[in-house]
Amino acid sequence: MNKIALRGLGLFCGALLLSATSLKAAEAKYYQVTGPVVALTASTITVQKGDDKWELNRNSNTKVKGALKVGSKVTIYYKMIAEEIEVKEAKTGDEGKKKTNDK
């Protein structure tokens, strides 16, 4: 192969690699909550955080490090991911206002 063909092949491979990495979807952001476990079932864990109780779902893929039981202090790492989105059309102008009769 000549130098021009090699250079063109290199540019093509670089562009292909760049486009493949840019197509990768962004990973959902992780959040965390820390507090004592106040309730525990096979599918949920409830943690007390201040005056609020946080109930999070869990399943067989949830990784648990240590002995999980009510009363244990835990830090839970979780993601918020949309399951379904329903779009409502916005009302514009006078459509959203209540009509009154002027007499």
Protein backbone atom coordinates (compact mmCIF):
# COMPACT_ATOMS: atom_id res chain seq x y z
CA MET A 1 0.00 0.00 0.00
CA ASN A 2 1.19 3.47 -0.66
CA LYS A 3 1.38 6.28 1.92
CA ILE A 4 -1.81 7.99 0.76
CA ALA A 5 -3.83 4.79 1.03
CA LEU A 6 -2.43 4.10 4.52
CA ARG A 7 -3.18 7.66 5.63
CA GLY A 8 -6.75 7.38 4.29
CA LEU A 9 -7.24 4.05 6.04
CA GLY A 10 -5.95 5.55 9.29
CA LEU A 11 -8.33 8.51 9.02
CA PHE A 12 -11.24 6.18 8.27
CA CYS A 13 -10.47 3.96 11.28
CA GLY A 14 -10.10 7.00 13.54
CA ALA A 15 -13.44 8.41 12.40
CA LEU A 16 -15.11 5.02 12.89
CA LEU A 17 -13.73 4.72 16.43
CA LEU A 18 -14.79 8.27 17.30
CA SER A 19 -18.34 7.74 16.03
CA ALA A 20 -18.67 4.43 17.89
CA THR A 21 -17.70 6.00 21.21
CA SER A 22 -19.97 9.01 20.70
CA LEU A 23 -22.96 6.73 20.07
CA LYS A 24 -22.63 5.14 23.51
CA ALA A 25 -25.53 6.27 25.70
CA ALA A 26 -24.68 8.27 28.79
CA GLU A 27 -24.79 6.22 31.97
CA ALA A 28 -27.45 7.22 34.51
CA LYS A 29 -26.12 9.23 37.46
CA TYR A 30 -25.71 7.46 40.82
CA TYR A 31 -27.24 8.90 43.99
CA GLN A 32 -26.93 7.71 47.59
CA VAL A 33 -28.88 7.65 50.82
CA THR A 34 -27.44 6.71 54.22
CA GLY A 35 -29.26 5.74 57.40
CA PRO A 36 -30.51 2.88 59.54
CA VAL A 37 -32.64 0.14 57.97
CA VAL A 38 -36.17 0.35 59.42
CA ALA A 39 -37.86 -2.28 57.23
CA LEU A 40 -36.65 -5.04 54.95
CA THR A 41 -38.41 -7.42 52.56
CA ALA A 42 -37.23 -9.59 49.68
CA SER A 43 -38.07 -6.77 47.25
CA THR A 44 -37.65 -3.54 49.27
CA ILE A 45 -35.40 -1.83 51.79
CA THR A 46 -36.57 1.15 53.87
CA VAL A 47 -34.02 3.55 55.36
CA GLN A 48 -34.67 6.36 57.85
CA LYS A 49 -33.07 9.63 56.74
CA GLY A 50 -33.90 12.43 59.17
CA ASP A 51 -37.68 12.59 59.44
CA ASP A 52 -38.18 10.81 56.10
CA LYS A 53 -38.37 7.11 55.29
CA TRP A 54 -36.87 6.15 51.95
CA GLU A 55 -38.24 2.93 50.43
CA LEU A 56 -36.22 1.56 47.52
CA ASN A 57 -36.88 -1.52 45.41
CA ARG A 58 -34.27 -4.24 45.22
CA ASN A 59 -33.96 -7.54 43.38
CA SER A 60 -31.64 -10.51 42.93
CA ASN A 61 -29.15 -8.28 41.07
CA THR A 62 -28.78 -5.90 44.03
CA LYS A 63 -25.30 -6.32 45.51
CA VAL A 64 -25.16 -6.47 49.31
CA LYS A 65 -21.84 -6.22 51.17
CA GLY A 66 -22.20 -7.43 54.76
CA ALA A 67 -25.07 -8.75 56.87
CA LEU A 68 -28.19 -6.78 55.95
CA LYS A 69 -30.81 -6.58 58.72
CA VAL A 70 -33.19 -4.11 60.36
CA GLY A 71 -31.16 -1.69 62.49
CA SER A 72 -28.02 -1.88 60.32
CA LYS A 73 -26.65 1.46 59.15
CA VAL A 74 -26.34 1.33 55.36
CA THR A 75 -25.43 3.48 52.40
CA ILE A 76 -27.51 2.68 49.33
CA TYR A 77 -26.33 3.67 45.88
CA TYR A 78 -29.14 3.98 43.35
CA LYS A 79 -30.02 5.39 39.93
CA MET A 80 -33.17 7.17 38.80
CA ILE A 81 -34.24 5.82 35.42
CA ALA A 82 -37.49 6.67 33.65
CA GLU A 83 -39.71 3.66 33.04
CA GLU A 84 -42.41 5.45 31.03
CA ILE A 85 -42.98 8.96 29.71
CA GLU A 86 -46.41 10.37 28.87
CA VAL A 87 -46.44 13.70 27.05
CA LYS A 88 -49.32 16.10 27.74
CA GLU A 89 -49.97 18.88 25.25
CA ALA A 90 -49.56 22.31 26.85
CA LYS A 91 -52.56 24.64 26.82
CA THR A 92 -51.83 27.93 25.10
CA GLY A 93 -53.33 31.41 25.41
CA ASP A 94 -56.94 31.65 26.58
CA GLU A 95 -57.58 27.91 26.23
CA GLY A 96 -56.31 27.28 29.77
CA LYS A 97 -58.34 30.10 31.36
CA LYS A 98 -61.90 29.78 32.60
CA LYS A 99 -64.30 31.66 30.31
CA THR A 100 -66.77 34.10 31.90
CA ASN A 101 -69.71 35.94 30.38
CA ASP A 102 -69.44 39.74 30.54
CA LYS A 103 -72.83 41.42 30.79
